[in-house]
Every structure is written in C-alpha cells, then in structure tokens.
C-alpha cells in the first residue's frame, strides 16, 4: 500500500472526506505531498512530479523562490503576529497601488473569498442597493452571496448550491451568461436595485474561458452608464497575466479589485482595492464593517512585498517567456490532438491553458459543462502516472511558472502525448 493511501485512510478518520478543500480530492485518493521546490513537488512516496497546479495559480515564481523565502526568514526573526499596524503594510499597499492604476486605496485581508465578500459589501454600502450580478461559471469564493447556480432561463435569481446556504441571501444575486452582453443589459434594465457587477475578467474556475472581443469593454461601458460599481475579481489573474493583472492586459479600470494567490507566491494574503470614495467607507472611518486578526500578518506581507518587487524587476522577461512557452506548448498539444483526431478545444492566454474534449468552442459555462469530463479524468490519471501534476478537474486551469524549464515542458508534452492516446481508446 502506498504511503499516500495510508495517509488518506488516516485522514478520513479526523478530516471530513480526508481533505481540507474539496478540489484536492480525486479518485481513488489524492496523493500527499512531502516537499516542493522550484517546478516540482514530491509525494509521500518520494516520487517527483512536475507541478502545473502551482497552488491553483498562486506560485507564479515557483516553489520556495529564494527572494521570498529570504524575506520571510528575516521577518520570522522579528515576530509572526503583532495585531498592530506596521510600516511594511504601507510599503505593500503602495506597491499594489503602483501596479494597479484603478486602485487609490487598498485594505489587506487573508483569502480571496474574504476579499470578494468585502468587495460586495462595499458595493452595497456605496450604492445603498441590494442586488449583485454575477456571471454563470465565475467563482468568487464559498460565501452565500456568490455560491449560487443558475436556474432555467438566461437571467435569474441565484439559488444556493450548498446545504446551509441561505436562499434569502442568494436571491439577491442575479446570474447572467458570461460573454453575453445582451443578457447583462436586459438584466440591468429589468432591475433598478443593482449594487454591483462582479466578474472574473478571465474565467479560471470553469476551465479557462476567455472574454470575447469587446465583452469587457462593453461591460465597463454599461456599468458606467448605469452608475453600477464594477468589481474585477482578480484573485487568479492579479499579477499572473500582467503586473497589473487582467485590467492592465485589457486596458480597463474597474471600481473595485480583489486579489490574492500570486500576490504573495504561496503565502496567505489577499486584498481589496478601489476608488477612494468607495474604500473610505470601510470601518472604522466608514460604516462598512470588515475586520480580521490576521489581516496584514507581517509574514505574509513580507512575502507579498518580495513577490511584487521580484515580479516588477523581472516583468520584461518573465511574462514574455511564459507567454512564449504557453504558445509553443498549446500549439504542440493542439497539433497532437488533431493528428489523433480527438475532438478538442484549447483555450490559452498568458501563463494559463486548458484542453476541453469537445468539438465546440468553449466560451461560457454551458459549453464548458458539455465537454467530456470522463476523457479529462483519463488524461489527468495518465499524466499523474507519468510524473506530471495538473489540477484534478476539467474546471480548473493548467498554470506555468517561472521555475518551469524547456526540459520540463518537453517532458510534459511527451506525457500529454501518451495521455491523449489513453483518451482516444
């Protein structure tokens, strides 16, 4: 019996379902990790895997990046938690604002879910309205306002996807189709109580789905015309697609921005930023309440400062290198699947890609959901056996990091070739 199986059997006795986040589970059991470095992780049986899950996008610079570990080590010698303001929080806030021109002020917190919850509360506090519009397939955390699914029809009130979720809360969330600007306009015209629109500018929780031409620009235009705050959820895309996130990449300024993941390259931190008149509503100066013991934790702040400084130093080479690798890899993967006559779509941008087993373009939740998940599971299992770890779900994304080398990519392409053969059977 493998060490991971033994550990999983033990974990199930003390941890619900044996995992501390549902995305970590896959059949017959997840592997347990022993250590990580650079582009690799080692499982409990000491097998080395090339890591393309990368903390679900957090590890833009790879595992145990020296600059970040050095900064954290220095902070460890000075303390781990103060629960008082620190000068480093000011430094980090200035770095974030310097990279994101849409942000006048920023507040630090711990997780992406906490950040989106605060962003929505800010939008409601600012507008004095109740309803939030989100897009089908966008994931904004596991809180009631956004943990909703669609009913029948194109635009509808959200219904909680979780037992324990309050439909009384979810009903104030209107769900519309991503990449469908007409759907959005109709929904806004029918509802005069819209407090805000929240969107992943690039969907990274329904596989990888890209905004169609002009979709985000039209979204910004419509929200401005109707005086509705636009929230960009850049928990995944912030710093990953560009130093200033997807808003830099697409040239759009939202009213509120959330970020986490690549902000600190693997340490626990998140942030909400936006226009001064909105951000100043936060307590204690304003009446929108938000608080946290661990907000501005000096360890995570040190990691985030080092991450942003490293990204800004390397940005001219970092992003072009990852885009080049991604283009070459995705093109080669497309050629392989085409040669094998496997129906497929490959969506890719910046340092992210995903393959869908379908003959129709994947542009929204419906088309993503209709891709062949069983074939993807075969692909995942085959890659894992060959020492390549991607996220174990069709609805996640493959992430490249600065630590990946051409050799890693070539080995991974060989593994995908073998895996596609298993899919074809």
Protein backbone atom coordinates (compact mmCIF):
# COMPACT_ATOMS: atom_id res chain seq x y z
CA UNK A 1 0.00 0.00 0.00
CA UNK A 2 1.32 3.45 -0.93
CA UNK A 3 2.11 5.97 1.77
CA UNK A 4 -0.47 8.34 0.29
CA UNK A 5 -3.21 5.71 0.57
CA UNK A 6 -2.24 5.01 4.19
CA UNK A 7 -2.27 8.72 4.97
CA UNK A 8 -5.61 9.20 3.24
CA UNK A 9 -7.15 6.37 5.27
CA UNK A 10 -5.89 8.08 8.42
CA UNK A 11 -7.05 11.50 7.24
CA UNK A 12 -10.63 10.33 6.66
CA UNK A 13 -10.88 9.47 10.36
CA UNK A 14 -10.11 13.02 11.50
CA UNK A 15 -10.75 15.31 8.49
CA UNK A 16 -14.13 15.46 6.67
CA UNK A 17 -13.71 13.46 3.44
CA UNK A 18 -9.97 13.35 4.21
CA UNK A 19 -9.22 16.76 2.66
CA UNK A 20 -9.32 20.39 3.79
CA UNK A 21 -10.64 21.66 0.45
CA UNK A 22 -12.87 19.68 -1.91
CA UNK A 23 -10.80 20.49 -5.01
CA UNK A 24 -7.92 18.42 -3.56
CA UNK A 25 -9.84 15.17 -3.74
CA UNK A 26 -9.74 12.82 -6.69
CA UNK A 27 -10.38 9.12 -7.11
CA UNK A 28 -9.30 6.73 -5.79
CA UNK A 29 -7.45 9.02 -3.35
CA UNK A 30 -5.26 12.13 -3.57
CA UNK A 31 -1.52 11.89 -3.19
CA UNK A 32 0.00 13.52 -0.11
CA UNK A 33 2.87 15.95 -0.59
CA UNK A 34 6.15 15.73 1.29
CA UNK A 35 8.04 18.76 -0.05
CA UNK A 36 8.33 21.12 -3.01
CA UNK A 37 11.00 23.15 -4.76
CA UNK A 38 11.07 25.16 -7.98
CA UNK A 39 8.82 23.46 -10.52
CA UNK A 40 8.49 20.20 -8.59
CA UNK A 41 6.68 18.57 -5.73
CA UNK A 42 7.48 15.22 -4.11
CA UNK A 43 4.71 12.96 -2.88
CA UNK A 44 4.73 10.87 0.28
CA UNK A 45 6.31 8.00 -1.68
CA UNK A 46 9.18 10.29 -2.78
CA UNK A 47 8.02 10.40 -6.39
CA UNK A 48 8.89 13.72 -8.05
CA UNK A 49 6.15 15.42 -10.06
CA UNK A 50 6.35 18.41 -12.38
CA UNK A 51 3.82 20.80 -10.83
CA UNK A 52 1.40 22.56 -13.16
CA UNK A 53 -1.26 23.03 -10.50
CA UNK A 54 1.03 25.61 -8.89
CA UNK A 55 -1.18 26.36 -5.92
CA UNK A 56 -4.08 26.91 -8.35
CA UNK A 57 -2.16 29.81 -9.87
CA UNK A 58 -0.53 31.24 -6.74
CA UNK A 59 3.02 30.11 -7.48
CA UNK A 60 3.86 32.33 -10.45
CA UNK A 61 7.52 32.31 -9.39
CA UNK A 62 7.64 28.63 -8.43
CA UNK A 63 8.03 26.85 -5.09
CA UNK A 64 10.41 28.21 -2.46
CA UNK A 65 11.53 31.22 -4.50
CA UNK A 66 14.76 32.38 -2.87
CA UNK A 67 13.97 36.11 -2.70
CA UNK A 68 10.66 35.40 -0.98
CA UNK A 69 11.97 32.78 1.43
CA UNK A 70 14.81 35.12 2.43
CA UNK A 71 12.36 37.96 3.15
CA UNK A 72 10.10 35.70 5.18
CA UNK A 73 13.06 34.28 7.13
CA UNK A 74 14.14 37.79 8.12
CA UNK A 75 10.62 38.62 9.28
CA UNK A 76 10.38 35.37 11.28
CA UNK A 77 13.29 36.55 13.39
CA UNK A 78 11.30 39.71 14.23
CA UNK A 79 7.95 38.07 15.02
CA UNK A 80 4.96 36.40 13.42
CA UNK A 81 1.88 38.37 14.50
CA UNK A 82 1.50 41.81 16.10
CA UNK A 83 -2.13 42.86 15.58
CA UNK A 84 -0.89 46.42 15.29
CA UNK A 85 -0.16 48.47 12.16
CA UNK A 86 3.30 48.06 10.61
CA UNK A 87 5.33 50.14 8.20
CA UNK A 88 5.55 47.14 5.87
CA UNK A 89 1.77 47.29 5.34
CA UNK A 90 2.20 50.81 3.95
CA UNK A 91 5.00 49.62 1.66
CA UNK A 92 2.91 46.74 0.33
CA UNK A 93 -0.12 48.97 -0.23
CA UNK A 94 2.00 51.43 -2.22
CA UNK A 95 3.37 48.58 -4.35
CA UNK A 96 -0.14 47.31 -5.13
CA UNK A 97 -1.38 50.81 -5.96
CA UNK A 98 1.68 51.38 -8.16
CA UNK A 99 0.84 48.30 -10.21
CA UNK A 100 -2.93 48.86 -10.39
CA UNK A 101 -3.84 52.41 -11.55
CA UNK A 102 -7.53 51.80 -10.77
CA UNK A 103 -6.71 51.49 -7.06
CA UNK A 104 -6.46 54.59 -4.84
CA UNK A 105 -6.52 52.74 -1.52
CA UNK A 106 -6.20 49.11 -0.50
CA UNK A 107 -7.06 47.00 2.51
CA UNK A 108 -5.26 43.76 3.26
CA UNK A 109 -7.02 40.59 4.34
CA UNK A 110 -6.44 36.85 4.20
CA UNK A 111 -8.29 34.99 1.46
CA UNK A 112 -9.85 35.57 -1.92
CA UNK A 113 -13.26 34.65 -0.53
CA UNK A 114 -12.91 37.23 2.23
CA UNK A 115 -11.85 39.80 -0.37
CA UNK A 116 -14.85 39.24 -2.67
CA UNK A 117 -17.23 39.22 0.30
CA UNK A 118 -15.84 42.60 1.37
CA UNK A 119 -15.96 43.97 -2.20
CA UNK A 120 -19.64 43.09 -2.49
CA UNK A 121 -20.38 44.60 0.91
CA UNK A 122 -18.58 47.77 -0.18
CA UNK A 123 -20.62 47.97 -3.38
CA UNK A 124 -23.84 47.63 -1.39
CA UNK A 125 -22.69 50.16 1.18
CA UNK A 126 -21.73 52.62 -1.56
CA UNK A 127 -24.92 52.33 -3.62
CA UNK A 128 -27.39 51.55 -0.81
CA UNK A 129 -28.80 48.84 -3.09
CA UNK A 130 -29.10 45.07 -2.63
CA UNK A 131 -28.73 43.04 -5.80
CA UNK A 132 -25.44 41.77 -7.22
CA UNK A 133 -24.95 40.50 -10.77
CA UNK A 134 -22.51 37.66 -11.29
CA UNK A 135 -21.74 35.57 -14.36
CA UNK A 136 -22.51 31.89 -14.71
CA UNK A 137 -19.36 29.85 -14.16
CA UNK A 138 -17.43 32.58 -12.33
CA UNK A 139 -16.25 31.52 -8.87
CA UNK A 140 -15.88 34.19 -6.20
CA UNK A 141 -15.48 32.13 -3.05
CA UNK A 142 -17.64 30.00 -0.80
CA UNK A 143 -19.93 32.61 0.77
CA UNK A 144 -23.69 32.82 0.30
CA UNK A 145 -23.85 35.86 -1.99
CA UNK A 146 -21.85 34.17 -4.74
CA UNK A 147 -22.14 30.43 -4.08
CA UNK A 148 -25.09 30.20 -6.40
CA UNK A 149 -26.10 28.36 -9.53
CA UNK A 150 -28.37 29.04 -12.44
CA UNK A 151 -31.97 28.02 -12.84
CA UNK A 152 -33.75 27.81 -16.16
CA UNK A 153 -33.63 30.81 -18.44
CA UNK A 154 -30.77 33.13 -19.21
CA UNK A 155 -31.04 35.59 -16.33
CA UNK A 156 -32.43 34.59 -12.97
CA UNK A 157 -32.16 34.81 -9.24
CA UNK A 158 -29.38 32.72 -7.77
CA UNK A 159 -30.14 29.57 -5.78
CA UNK A 160 -27.69 28.33 -3.17
CA UNK A 161 -25.61 25.34 -4.29
CA UNK A 162 -24.86 24.33 -0.71
CA UNK A 163 -26.90 22.92 2.13
CA UNK A 164 -26.76 25.55 4.84
CA UNK A 165 -26.66 28.34 2.27
CA UNK A 166 -29.45 30.87 2.66
CA UNK A 167 -31.69 31.28 -0.36
CA UNK A 168 -32.80 34.56 1.22
CA UNK A 169 -29.25 35.80 0.58
CA UNK A 170 -28.73 34.07 -2.75
CA UNK A 171 -31.94 35.52 -4.20
CA UNK A 172 -30.25 38.93 -4.26
CA UNK A 173 -27.66 37.57 -6.67
CA UNK A 174 -28.67 37.67 -10.33
CA UNK A 175 -26.85 35.22 -12.60
CA UNK A 176 -26.25 36.01 -16.27
CA UNK A 177 -24.32 34.26 -19.02
CA UNK A 178 -20.64 35.10 -19.45
CA UNK A 179 -19.71 36.62 -22.82
CA UNK A 180 -23.36 37.60 -23.35
CA UNK A 181 -23.58 41.39 -23.13
CA UNK A 182 -27.24 41.41 -24.23
CA UNK A 183 -28.12 39.19 -21.28
CA UNK A 184 -26.43 41.69 -18.97
CA UNK A 185 -28.20 44.70 -20.48
CA UNK A 186 -31.62 43.05 -20.19
CA UNK A 187 -30.97 42.16 -16.56
CA UNK A 188 -29.88 45.69 -15.67
CA UNK A 189 -32.88 47.20 -17.48
CA UNK A 190 -35.28 44.94 -15.56
CA UNK A 191 -33.75 45.61 -12.14
CA UNK A 192 -33.27 49.04 -10.60
CA UNK A 193 -31.72 47.71 -7.40
CA UNK A 194 -28.28 46.66 -8.72
CA UNK A 195 -25.48 47.36 -6.22
CA UNK A 196 -22.66 45.97 -8.33
CA UNK A 197 -21.44 43.61 -11.03
CA UNK A 198 -18.69 41.13 -10.13
CA UNK A 199 -16.73 39.22 -12.75
CA UNK A 200 -13.61 37.16 -13.26
CA UNK A 201 -12.18 39.05 -16.26
CA UNK A 202 -10.75 35.70 -17.38
CA UNK A 203 -12.63 32.67 -16.08
CA UNK A 204 -10.27 30.29 -14.32
CA UNK A 205 -12.78 28.18 -12.40
CA UNK A 206 -14.71 26.71 -15.31
CA UNK A 207 -11.63 25.55 -17.10
CA UNK A 208 -10.05 28.53 -18.83
CA UNK A 209 -12.58 30.73 -20.62
CA UNK A 210 -11.52 33.97 -22.28
CA UNK A 211 -13.62 37.10 -22.73
CA UNK A 212 -14.76 37.55 -26.30
CA UNK A 213 -13.73 40.68 -28.18
CA UNK A 214 -15.19 43.87 -26.62
CA UNK A 215 -17.06 41.95 -23.90
CA UNK A 216 -15.14 43.52 -21.00
CA UNK A 217 -15.07 46.95 -22.63
CA UNK A 218 -18.84 46.80 -23.17
CA UNK A 219 -19.27 45.59 -19.59
CA UNK A 220 -17.32 48.60 -18.32
CA UNK A 221 -19.30 50.96 -20.55
CA UNK A 222 -22.70 49.64 -19.44
CA UNK A 223 -21.87 49.69 -15.73
CA UNK A 224 -20.62 53.28 -16.02
CA UNK A 225 -23.74 54.37 -17.88
CA UNK A 226 -25.90 52.91 -15.13
CA UNK A 227 -23.70 54.07 -12.22
CA UNK A 228 -23.11 50.48 -11.13
CA UNK A 229 -19.76 49.66 -9.46
CA UNK A 230 -17.77 47.09 -11.44
CA UNK A 231 -15.80 44.57 -9.37
CA UNK A 232 -12.94 42.72 -11.04
CA UNK A 233 -12.22 39.51 -9.19
CA UNK A 234 -8.50 39.18 -9.92
CA UNK A 235 -7.82 36.56 -7.27
CA UNK A 236 -6.37 34.37 -10.04
CA UNK A 237 -5.38 36.90 -12.71
CA UNK A 238 -3.85 39.57 -10.46
CA UNK A 239 -0.08 39.63 -11.16
CA UNK A 240 -0.38 36.37 -13.14
CA UNK A 241 -1.41 37.70 -16.57
CA UNK A 242 0.43 41.01 -16.13
CA UNK A 243 1.98 43.03 -13.27
CA UNK A 244 -1.29 44.98 -13.18
CA UNK A 245 -3.49 41.96 -13.71
CA UNK A 246 -6.16 41.44 -16.35
CA UNK A 247 -7.17 45.10 -16.11
CA UNK A 248 -3.74 46.09 -17.39
CA UNK A 249 -3.88 43.38 -20.05
CA UNK A 250 -7.28 44.56 -21.36
CA UNK A 251 -6.90 48.27 -20.58
CA UNK A 252 -9.94 48.53 -18.29
CA UNK A 253 -10.33 50.25 -14.92
CA UNK A 254 -12.86 48.63 -12.58
CA UNK A 255 -14.18 50.41 -9.48
CA UNK A 256 -13.15 47.66 -7.05
CA UNK A 257 -10.50 44.95 -7.41
CA UNK A 258 -9.85 41.80 -5.40
CA UNK A 259 -6.59 39.87 -5.48
CA UNK A 260 -4.84 37.00 -3.68
CA UNK A 261 -2.89 33.95 -5.00
CA UNK A 262 0.12 35.34 -6.96
CA UNK A 263 0.14 38.42 -4.73
CA UNK A 264 2.40 36.56 -2.30
CA UNK A 265 3.52 33.48 -4.28
CA UNK A 266 2.11 30.94 -1.85
CA UNK A 267 1.60 32.78 1.42
CA UNK A 268 -1.82 33.56 2.87
CA UNK A 269 -2.86 37.08 1.95
CA UNK A 270 -5.49 38.89 -0.11
CA UNK A 271 -6.51 42.47 -0.77
CA UNK A 272 -9.39 44.68 -1.80
CA UNK A 273 -8.63 47.94 -3.53
CA UNK A 274 -10.51 50.61 -5.38
CA UNK A 275 -11.60 54.20 -5.68
CA UNK A 276 -11.01 56.42 -2.65
CA UNK A 277 -14.68 57.29 -2.21
CA UNK A 278 -15.58 53.60 -2.06
CA UNK A 279 -12.66 52.37 0.04
CA UNK A 280 -13.12 55.13 2.63
CA UNK A 281 -16.47 53.54 3.52
CA UNK A 282 -14.63 50.77 5.37
CA UNK A 283 -14.67 50.92 9.15
CA UNK A 284 -13.60 52.50 11.39
CA UNK A 285 -13.79 55.64 9.25
CA UNK A 286 -16.86 54.43 7.40
CA UNK A 287 -19.88 52.25 8.15
CA UNK A 288 -18.96 49.18 6.06
CA UNK A 289 -17.57 46.73 8.60
CA UNK A 290 -14.62 44.46 7.94
CA UNK A 291 -12.08 43.15 10.43
CA UNK A 292 -9.57 40.33 10.87
CA UNK A 293 -6.99 39.27 13.44
CA UNK A 294 -4.59 38.08 10.76
CA UNK A 295 -5.07 40.93 8.24
CA UNK A 296 -1.69 42.45 7.47
CA UNK A 297 0.11 39.47 9.00
CA UNK A 298 3.80 40.50 8.86
CA UNK A 299 4.94 37.14 7.45
CA UNK A 300 2.54 37.26 4.53
CA UNK A 301 3.15 40.97 4.00
CA UNK A 302 6.91 40.33 3.77
CA UNK A 303 6.24 37.59 1.19
CA UNK A 304 3.94 39.85 -0.85
CA UNK A 305 6.41 42.75 -0.86
CA UNK A 306 9.16 40.44 -2.07
CA UNK A 307 6.85 38.85 -4.67
CA UNK A 308 5.81 42.17 -6.21
CA UNK A 309 9.35 43.53 -6.20
CA UNK A 310 10.60 40.35 -7.89
CA UNK A 311 7.80 40.48 -10.46
CA UNK A 312 8.43 44.15 -11.21
CA UNK A 313 12.17 43.50 -11.58
CA UNK A 314 11.66 40.56 -13.94
CA UNK A 315 8.47 41.63 -15.71
CA UNK A 316 10.01 42.38 -19.12
CA UNK A 317 11.43 38.85 -19.31
CA UNK A 318 9.03 36.94 -17.06
CA UNK A 319 5.76 37.45 -18.89
CA UNK A 320 7.18 37.22 -22.40
CA UNK A 321 8.93 33.97 -21.51
CA UNK A 322 5.79 32.40 -20.04
CA UNK A 323 3.67 33.56 -22.97
CA UNK A 324 6.20 32.09 -25.39
CA UNK A 325 6.28 28.77 -23.53
CA UNK A 326 2.49 28.68 -23.34
CA UNK A 327 2.05 29.40 -27.06
CA UNK A 328 4.55 26.72 -28.07
CA UNK A 329 3.07 24.19 -25.65
CA UNK A 330 -0.57 24.85 -26.50
CA UNK A 331 0.14 24.79 -30.24
CA UNK A 332 2.00 21.48 -29.97
CA UNK A 333 -0.77 20.00 -27.83
CA UNK A 334 -3.36 21.14 -30.34
CA UNK A 335 -1.39 19.51 -33.18
CA UNK A 336 -1.11 16.23 -31.27
CA UNK A 337 -4.83 16.03 -30.51
CA UNK A 338 -5.68 16.99 -34.10
CA UNK A 339 -3.37 14.31 -35.51
CA UNK A 340 -5.09 11.75 -33.27
CA UNK A 341 -8.49 13.01 -34.47
CA UNK A 342 -9.62 13.70 -30.89
CA UNK A 343 -12.35 16.37 -30.73
CA UNK A 344 -10.91 19.13 -28.57
CA UNK A 345 -10.60 22.83 -27.84
CA UNK A 346 -7.59 24.51 -26.25
CA UNK A 347 -8.04 27.84 -24.52
CA UNK A 348 -4.87 29.65 -23.51
CA UNK A 349 -3.56 33.06 -22.53
CA UNK A 350 -0.53 34.41 -20.69
CA UNK A 351 0.70 31.54 -18.46
CA UNK A 352 -2.57 29.55 -18.35
CA UNK A 353 -4.20 26.94 -20.58
CA UNK A 354 -6.73 24.12 -20.58
CA UNK A 355 -7.84 21.43 -23.02
CA UNK A 356 -11.52 20.55 -23.36
CA UNK A 357 -12.71 17.40 -25.07
CA UNK A 358 -15.47 18.81 -27.26
CA UNK A 359 -15.85 19.88 -30.89
CA UNK A 360 -17.50 23.19 -29.96
CA UNK A 361 -15.71 26.39 -28.85
CA UNK A 362 -15.78 26.82 -25.06
CA UNK A 363 -16.96 30.35 -24.34
CA UNK A 364 -19.23 30.06 -21.29
CA UNK A 365 -20.48 27.76 -18.53
CA UNK A 366 -22.80 25.76 -20.80
CA UNK A 367 -20.14 24.90 -23.37
CA UNK A 368 -17.58 24.11 -20.67
CA UNK A 369 -20.01 21.84 -18.84
CA UNK A 370 -20.74 19.91 -22.04
CA UNK A 371 -17.10 18.94 -22.60
CA UNK A 372 -16.28 15.27 -21.92
CA UNK A 373 -15.22 15.10 -18.28
CA UNK A 374 -14.55 11.35 -18.36
CA UNK A 375 -11.93 11.84 -21.04
CA UNK A 376 -10.33 14.61 -19.00
CA UNK A 377 -10.15 12.31 -15.97
CA UNK A 378 -8.35 9.72 -18.12
CA UNK A 379 -5.93 12.42 -19.20
CA UNK A 380 -5.32 13.52 -15.61
CA UNK A 381 -4.68 9.99 -14.33
CA UNK A 382 -2.30 9.21 -17.18
CA UNK A 383 -0.32 12.42 -16.63
CA UNK A 384 -0.10 11.72 -12.91
CA UNK A 385 1.33 8.24 -13.52
CA UNK A 386 3.95 9.83 -15.75
CA UNK A 387 5.01 12.37 -13.13
CA UNK A 388 3.01 15.41 -14.27
CA UNK A 389 0.58 17.03 -11.83
CA UNK A 390 -2.20 19.27 -13.14
CA UNK A 391 -5.31 20.24 -11.19
CA UNK A 392 -7.57 17.16 -10.97
CA UNK A 393 -10.61 18.78 -12.57
CA UNK A 394 -11.74 19.82 -16.02
CA UNK A 395 -12.98 23.02 -14.42
CA UNK A 396 -9.54 24.17 -13.28
CA UNK A 397 -6.56 25.52 -15.20
CA UNK A 398 -3.01 24.44 -16.03
CA UNK A 399 -0.55 27.05 -14.74
CA UNK A 400 3.02 27.67 -15.86
CA UNK A 401 5.57 29.20 -13.51
CA UNK A 402 8.90 30.96 -13.88
CA UNK A 403 10.51 27.81 -12.45
CA UNK A 404 9.49 25.64 -15.42
CA UNK A 405 12.23 24.96 -17.96
CA UNK A 406 12.12 23.94 -21.60
CA UNK A 407 13.13 20.47 -20.46
CA UNK A 408 10.11 20.33 -18.11
CA UNK A 409 7.82 21.39 -20.94
CA UNK A 410 9.25 18.83 -23.37
CA UNK A 411 8.82 16.04 -20.82
CA UNK A 412 5.29 17.23 -20.16
CA UNK A 413 4.44 17.28 -23.87
CA UNK A 414 5.63 13.67 -24.12
CA UNK A 415 3.40 12.83 -21.18
CA UNK A 416 0.42 14.57 -22.81
CA UNK A 417 1.08 12.56 -26.00
CA UNK A 418 0.83 9.31 -24.05
CA UNK A 419 -2.17 10.59 -22.12
CA UNK A 420 -4.03 11.57 -25.29
CA UNK A 421 -3.55 8.02 -26.57
CA UNK A 422 -5.35 6.77 -23.45
CA UNK A 423 -8.14 9.28 -24.10
CA UNK A 424 -8.54 8.06 -27.66
CA UNK A 425 -9.16 4.44 -26.61
